[in-house]
PDB file of N, CA and C in Angstrom:
ATOM      1  N   MET A   1     136.616  84.199  90.146  1.00  0.00           N
ATOM      2  CA  MET A   1     136.135  84.663  91.191  1.00  0.00           C
ATOM      3  C   MET A   1     136.112  83.671  92.441  1.00  0.00           C
ATOM      4  N   ARG A   2     136.508  83.693  93.330  1.00  0.00           N
ATOM      5  CA  ARG A   2     136.606  82.697  94.438  1.00  0.00           C
ATOM      6  C   ARG A   2     135.258  82.921  95.302  1.00  0.00           C
ATOM      7  N   THR A   3     134.508  81.706  95.604  1.00  0.00           N
ATOM      8  CA  THR A   3     133.478  81.666  96.547  1.00  0.00           C
ATOM      9  C   THR A   3     133.811  81.086  97.805  1.00  0.00           C
ATOM     10  N   ILE A   4     133.263  81.675  98.916  1.00  0.00           N
ATOM     11  CA  ILE A   4     133.590  81.180 100.082  1.00  0.00           C
ATOM     12  C   ILE A   4     132.360  80.721 100.747  1.00  0.00           C
ATOM     13  N   TRP A   5     132.277  79.665 101.388  1.00  0.00           N
ATOM     14  CA  TRP A   5     131.081  79.214 102.103  1.00  0.00           C
ATOM     15  C   TRP A   5     131.119  79.561 103.593  1.00  0.00           C
ATOM     16  N   SER A   6     129.987  80.364 103.993  1.00  0.00           N
ATOM     17  CA  SER A   6     130.091  81.051 105.302  1.00  0.00           C
ATOM     18  C   SER A   6     128.650  80.687 105.921  1.00  0.00           C
ATOM     19  N   GLY A   7     128.383  79.754 106.745  1.00  0.00           N
ATOM     20  CA  GLY A   7     127.218  79.389 107.253  1.00  0.00           C
ATOM     21  C   GLY A   7     126.180  79.046 106.265  1.00  0.00           C
ATOM     22  N   THR A   8     125.227  79.806 106.072  1.00  0.00           N
ATOM     23  CA  THR A   8     124.138  79.453 105.454  1.00  0.00           C
ATOM     24  C   THR A   8     124.192  80.195 104.030  1.00  0.00           C
ATOM     25  N   CYS A   9     125.262  80.872 103.781  1.00  0.00           N
ATOM     26  CA  CYS A   9     125.224  81.727 102.373  1.00  0.00           C
ATOM     27  C   CYS A   9     126.560  81.482 101.813  1.00  0.00           C
ATOM     28  N   TYR A  10     126.564  81.869 100.375  1.00  0.00           N
ATOM     29  CA  TYR A  10     127.841  82.004  99.822  1.00  0.00           C
ATOM     30  C   TYR A  10     128.409  83.376  99.564  1.00  0.00           C
ATOM     31  N   LEU A  11     129.619  83.738 100.039  1.00  0.00           N
ATOM     32  CA  LEU A  11     130.168  85.031 100.057  1.00  0.00           C
ATOM     33  C   LEU A  11     131.167  85.001  98.755  1.00  0.00           C
ATOM     34  N   SER A  12     130.798  85.861  97.731  1.00  0.00           N
ATOM     35  CA  SER A  12     131.568  86.024  96.615  1.00  0.00           C
ATOM     36  C   SER A  12     132.811  86.966  97.124  1.00  0.00           C
ATOM     37  N   MET A  13     133.994  86.864  96.844  1.00  0.00           N
ATOM     38  CA  MET A  13     135.393  87.733  97.089  1.00  0.00           C
ATOM     39  C   MET A  13     134.902  89.075  96.729  1.00  0.00           C
ATOM     40  N   PHE A  14     134.372  89.289  95.476  1.00  0.00           N
ATOM     41  CA  PHE A  14     134.219  90.891  95.279  1.00  0.00           C
ATOM     42  C   PHE A  14     132.984  91.121  95.583  1.00  0.00           C
ATOM     43  N   GLY A  15     131.847  90.533  96.132  1.00  0.00           N
ATOM     44  CA  GLY A  15     130.535  91.000  96.229  1.00  0.00           C
ATOM     45  C   GLY A  15     130.293  90.735  97.949  1.00  0.00           C
ATOM     46  N   LEU A  16     131.435  90.787  98.692  1.00  0.00           N
ATOM     47  CA  LEU A  16     131.107  90.571  99.899  1.00  0.00           C
ATOM     48  C   LEU A  16     130.449  91.797 100.679  1.00  0.00           C
ATOM     49  N   PHE A  17     130.691  92.925 100.132  1.00  0.00           N
ATOM     50  CA  PHE A  17     130.136  94.187 100.803  1.00  0.00           C
ATOM     51  C   PHE A  17     129.188  94.834  99.829  1.00  0.00           C
ATOM     52  N   LYS A  18     128.792  94.295  98.674  1.00  0.00           N
ATOM     53  CA  LYS A  18     127.922  94.675  97.934  1.00  0.00           C
ATOM     54  C   LYS A  18     126.350  94.838  98.601  1.00  0.00           C
ATOM     55  N   LYS A  19     125.858  96.198  98.495  1.00  0.00           N
ATOM     56  CA  LYS A  19     124.483  96.344  98.947  1.00  0.00           C
ATOM     57  C   LYS A  19     123.458  95.910  98.232  1.00  0.00           C
ATOM     58  N   LYS A  20     122.323  95.436  98.571  1.00  0.00           N
ATOM     59  CA  LYS A  20     121.219  94.695  97.954  1.00  0.00           C
ATOM     60  C   LYS A  20     120.583  96.033  97.347  1.00  0.00           C
ATOM     61  N   SER A  21     120.025  95.899  96.103  1.00  0.00           N
ATOM     62  CA  SER A  21     119.168  96.739  95.387  1.00  0.00           C
ATOM     63  C   SER A  21     117.852  96.637  95.989  1.00  0.00           C
ATOM     64  N   GLU A  22     117.060  97.659  95.653  1.00  0.00           N
ATOM     65  CA  GLU A  22     115.689  97.867  96.210  1.00  0.00           C
ATOM     66  C   GLU A  22     114.784  96.743  95.708  1.00  0.00           C
ATOM     67  N   LYS A  23     115.111  96.352  94.485  1.00  0.00           N
ATOM     68  CA  LYS A  23     114.482  95.198  94.004  1.00  0.00           C
ATOM     69  C   LYS A  23     114.921  93.871  94.660  1.00  0.00           C
ATOM     70  N   GLU A  24     115.939  93.598  94.933  1.00  0.00           N
ATOM     71  CA  GLU A  24     116.454  92.389  95.684  1.00  0.00           C
ATOM     72  C   GLU A  24     115.875  92.398  97.036  1.00  0.00           C
ATOM     73  N   LYS A  25     115.858  93.529  97.747  1.00  0.00           N
ATOM     74  CA  LYS A  25     115.310  93.580  99.160  1.00  0.00           C
ATOM     75  C   LYS A  25     113.685  93.097  99.166  1.00  0.00           C
ATOM     76  N   LEU A  26     113.046  93.770  98.015  1.00  0.00           N
ATOM     77  CA  LEU A  26     111.659  93.215  97.962  1.00  0.00           C
ATOM     78  C   LEU A  26     111.435  91.937  97.514  1.00  0.00           C
ATOM     79  N   GLU A  27     112.362  91.537  96.824  1.00  0.00           N
ATOM     80  CA  GLU A  27     112.220  89.884  96.358  1.00  0.00           C
ATOM     81  C   GLU A  27     112.372  89.042  97.562  1.00  0.00           C
ATOM     82  N   ASP A  28     113.222  89.302  98.526  1.00  0.00           N
ATOM     83  CA  ASP A  28     113.562  88.774  99.764  1.00  0.00           C
ATOM     84  C   ASP A  28     112.112  88.851 100.382  1.00  0.00           C
ATOM     85  N   GLN A  29     111.783  90.098 100.564  1.00  0.00           N
ATOM     86  CA  GLN A  29     110.559  90.013 101.425  1.00  0.00           C
ATOM     87  C   GLN A  29     109.217  89.202 100.873  1.00  0.00           C
ATOM     88  N   TYR A  30     109.187  89.352  99.679  1.00  0.00           N
ATOM     89  CA  TYR A  30     108.139  88.663  99.000  1.00  0.00           C
ATOM     90  C   TYR A  30     108.306  87.008  99.244  1.00  0.00           C
ATOM     91  N   GLU A  31     109.404  86.343  99.061  1.00  0.00           N
ATOM     92  CA  GLU A  31     109.698  85.186  99.408  1.00  0.00           C
ATOM     93  C   GLU A  31     109.384  84.921 100.936  1.00  0.00           C
ATOM     94  N   LYS A  32     109.698  85.815 101.668  1.00  0.00           N
ATOM     95  CA  LYS A  32     109.509  85.632 103.384  1.00  0.00           C
ATOM     96  C   LYS A  32     108.163  85.579 103.599  1.00  0.00           C
ATOM     97  N   LEU A  33     107.383  86.516 102.984  1.00  0.00           N
ATOM     98  CA  LEU A  33     105.822  86.608 103.219  1.00  0.00           C
ATOM     99  C   LEU A  33     105.193  85.412 102.507  1.00  0.00           C
ATOM    100  N   LEU A  34     105.816  84.968 101.355  1.00  0.00           N
ATOM    101  CA  LEU A  34     104.925  83.742 100.829  1.00  0.00           C
ATOM    102  C   LEU A  34     105.193  82.615 101.872  1.00  0.00           C
ATOM    103  N   GLY A  35     106.426  82.352 102.241  1.00  0.00           N
ATOM    104  CA  GLY A  35     106.545  81.198 103.025  1.00  0.00           C
ATOM    105  C   GLY A  35     105.922  81.233 104.384  1.00  0.00           C
ATOM    106  N   GLU A  36     105.765  82.462 105.064  1.00  0.00           N
ATOM    107  CA  GLU A  36     104.826  82.551 106.240  1.00  0.00           C
ATOM    108  C   GLU A  36     103.454  82.222 105.924  1.00  0.00           C
ATOM    109  N   ALA A  37     102.836  82.599 104.786  1.00  0.00           N
ATOM    110  CA  ALA A  37     101.558  82.410 104.376  1.00  0.00           C
ATOM    111  C   ALA A  37     101.326  80.852 104.182  1.00  0.00           C
ATOM    112  N   HIS A  38     102.369  80.347 103.653  1.00  0.00           N
ATOM    113  CA  HIS A  38     102.370  78.712 103.455  1.00  0.00           C
ATOM    114  C   HIS A  38     102.164  78.122 104.997  1.00  0.00           C
ATOM    115  N   LYS A  39     103.195  78.637 105.710  1.00  0.00           N
ATOM    116  CA  LYS A  39     103.187  77.802 107.041  1.00  0.00           C
ATOM    117  C   LYS A  39     101.767  78.066 107.848  1.00  0.00           C
ATOM    118  N   LEU A  40     101.245  79.203 107.564  1.00  0.00           N
ATOM    119  CA  LEU A  40      99.847  79.634 108.291  1.00  0.00           C
ATOM    120  C   LEU A  40      98.869  78.832 107.687  1.00  0.00           C
ATOM    121  N   SER A  41      99.046  78.463 106.470  1.00  0.00           N
ATOM    122  CA  SER A  41      97.964  77.906 105.749  1.00  0.00           C
ATOM    123  C   SER A  41      97.267  76.611 106.432  1.00  0.00           C
ATOM    124  N   THR A  42      98.261  75.927 107.252  1.00  0.00           N
ATOM    125  CA  THR A  42      97.593  74.770 108.007  1.00  0.00           C
ATOM    126  C   THR A  42      96.937  75.023 109.298  1.00  0.00           C
ATOM    127  N   VAL A  43      97.325  76.263 109.744  1.00  0.00           N
ATOM    128  CA  VAL A  43      96.928  76.656 111.112  1.00  0.00           C
ATOM    129  C   VAL A  43      95.841  77.668 111.172  1.00  0.00           C
ATOM    130  N   ASN A  44      95.885  78.822 110.569  1.00  0.00           N
ATOM    131  CA  ASN A  44      95.115  79.803 110.497  1.00  0.00           C
ATOM    132  C   ASN A  44      94.975  80.501 109.004  1.00  0.00           C
ATOM    133  N   ARG A  45      93.728  80.041 108.407  1.00  0.00           N
ATOM    134  CA  ARG A  45      93.559  80.499 107.115  1.00  0.00           C
ATOM    135  C   ARG A  45      93.340  81.869 106.986  1.00  0.00           C
ATOM    136  N   THR A  46      92.749  82.714 107.810  1.00  0.00           N
ATOM    137  CA  THR A  46      92.457  84.159 107.901  1.00  0.00           C
ATOM    138  C   THR A  46      93.907  84.744 107.612  1.00  0.00           C
ATOM    139  N   ALA A  47      94.902  84.394 108.815  1.00  0.00           N
ATOM    140  CA  ALA A  47      96.034  84.929 108.668  1.00  0.00           C
ATOM    141  C   ALA A  47      97.124  84.614 107.515  1.00  0.00           C
ATOM    142  N   SER A  48      96.697  83.498 106.935  1.00  0.00           N
ATOM    143  CA  SER A  48      97.392  83.188 105.835  1.00  0.00           C
ATOM    144  C   SER A  48      96.946  84.001 104.706  1.00  0.00           C
ATOM    145  N   ASP A  49      95.834  84.158 104.552  1.00  0.00           N
ATOM    146  CA  ASP A  49      95.099  84.976 103.600  1.00  0.00           C
ATOM    147  C   ASP A  49      95.888  86.379 103.660  1.00  0.00           C
ATOM    148  N   ALA A  50      95.878  86.864 104.651  1.00  0.00           N
ATOM    149  CA  ALA A  50      96.527  88.215 104.981  1.00  0.00           C
ATOM    150  C   ALA A  50      97.796  88.279 104.667  1.00  0.00           C
ATOM    151  N   LYS A  51      98.655  87.357 105.018  1.00  0.00           N
ATOM    152  CA  LYS A  51     100.102  87.232 104.495  1.00  0.00           C
ATOM    153  C   LYS A  51     100.186  87.078 102.968  1.00  0.00           C
ATOM    154  N   ALA A  52      99.403  86.282 102.494  1.00  0.00           N
ATOM    155  CA  ALA A  52      99.423  86.311 100.957  1.00  0.00           C
ATOM    156  C   ALA A  52      99.157  87.515 100.362  1.00  0.00           C
ATOM    157  N   ALA A  53      98.194  88.442 101.066  1.00  0.00           N
ATOM    158  CA  ALA A  53      97.940  89.782 100.401  1.00  0.00           C
ATOM    159  C   ALA A  53      98.999  90.713 100.584  1.00  0.00           C
ATOM    160  N   GLU A  54      99.838  90.580 101.856  1.00  0.00           N
ATOM    161  CA  GLU A  54     100.832  91.468 101.832  1.00  0.00           C
ATOM    162  C   GLU A  54     101.714  91.257 100.803  1.00  0.00           C
ATOM    163  N   ALA A  55     102.169  89.718 100.317  1.00  0.00           N
ATOM    164  CA  ALA A  55     102.990  89.233  99.352  1.00  0.00           C
ATOM    165  C   ALA A  55     102.582  89.814  98.075  1.00  0.00           C
ATOM    166  N   ASP A  56     101.265  89.765  97.732  1.00  0.00           N
ATOM    167  CA  ASP A  56     100.876  90.392  96.504  1.00  0.00           C
ATOM    168  C   ASP A  56     101.115  92.100  96.413  1.00  0.00           C
ATOM    169  N   ALA A  57     101.077  92.509  97.447  1.00  0.00           N
ATOM    170  CA  ALA A  57     101.309  94.042  97.520  1.00  0.00           C
ATOM    171  C   ALA A  57     102.896  94.343  97.184  1.00  0.00           C
ATOM    172  N   VAL A  58     103.651  93.190  97.678  1.00  0.00           N
ATOM    173  CA  VAL A  58     105.150  93.449  97.421  1.00  0.00           C
ATOM    174  C   VAL A  58     105.407  93.003  96.203  1.00  0.00           C
ATOM    175  N   LEU A  59     104.757  92.188  95.423  1.00  0.00           N
ATOM    176  CA  LEU A  59     104.860  91.652  94.310  1.00  0.00           C
ATOM    177  C   LEU A  59     104.643  92.883  93.067  1.00  0.00           C
ATOM    178  N   LYS A  60     103.483  93.481  93.394  1.00  0.00           N
ATOM    179  CA  LYS A  60     103.169  94.529  92.698  1.00  0.00           C
ATOM    180  C   LYS A  60     104.069  95.829  92.729  1.00  0.00           C
ATOM    181  N   GLN A  61     104.844  95.966  94.001  1.00  0.00           N
ATOM    182  CA  GLN A  61     106.102  96.961  93.845  1.00  0.00           C
ATOM    183  C   GLN A  61     107.217  96.597  93.075  1.00  0.00           C
ATOM    184  N   ILE A  62     107.715  95.306  93.162  1.00  0.00           N
ATOM    185  CA  ILE A  62     108.384  94.712  92.444  1.00  0.00           C
ATOM    186  C   ILE A  62     108.386  94.864  90.955  1.00  0.00           C
ATOM    187  N   GLU A  63     106.990  94.693  90.233  1.00  0.00           N
ATOM    188  CA  GLU A  63     106.619  94.876  89.090  1.00  0.00           C
ATOM    189  C   GLU A  63     106.738  96.213  88.559  1.00  0.00           C
ATOM    190  N   ALA A  64     106.247  97.039  89.588  1.00  0.00           N
ATOM    191  CA  ALA A  64     106.592  98.690  89.349  1.00  0.00           C
ATOM    192  C   ALA A  64     107.939  99.117  89.125  1.00  0.00           C
ATOM    193  N   LEU A  65     108.886  98.301  89.621  1.00  0.00           N
ATOM    194  CA  LEU A  65     110.310  98.636  89.574  1.00  0.00           C
ATOM    195  C   LEU A  65     110.923  98.330  87.940  1.00  0.00           C
ATOM    196  N   ASP A  66     110.160  97.323  87.406  1.00  0.00           N
ATOM    197  CA  ASP A  66     110.668  96.889  86.209  1.00  0.00           C
ATOM    198  C   ASP A  66     110.142  97.702  85.104  1.00  0.00           C
TER     199      ASP A  66
END
């Protein structure tokens, strides 16, 4: 299988048009929320805690799928 470099991600020749599963979408959302929580932690602790709580809710959804 050939891998092609395209900007910021690798595209597989056969996985180019593969749709993400619900679990993959939730994992991406979880990582995004954790990153936002980390960035906010130095500026606004209350907002950071809220983002962390959102991330925790998404993690529970991921665990429910397993």
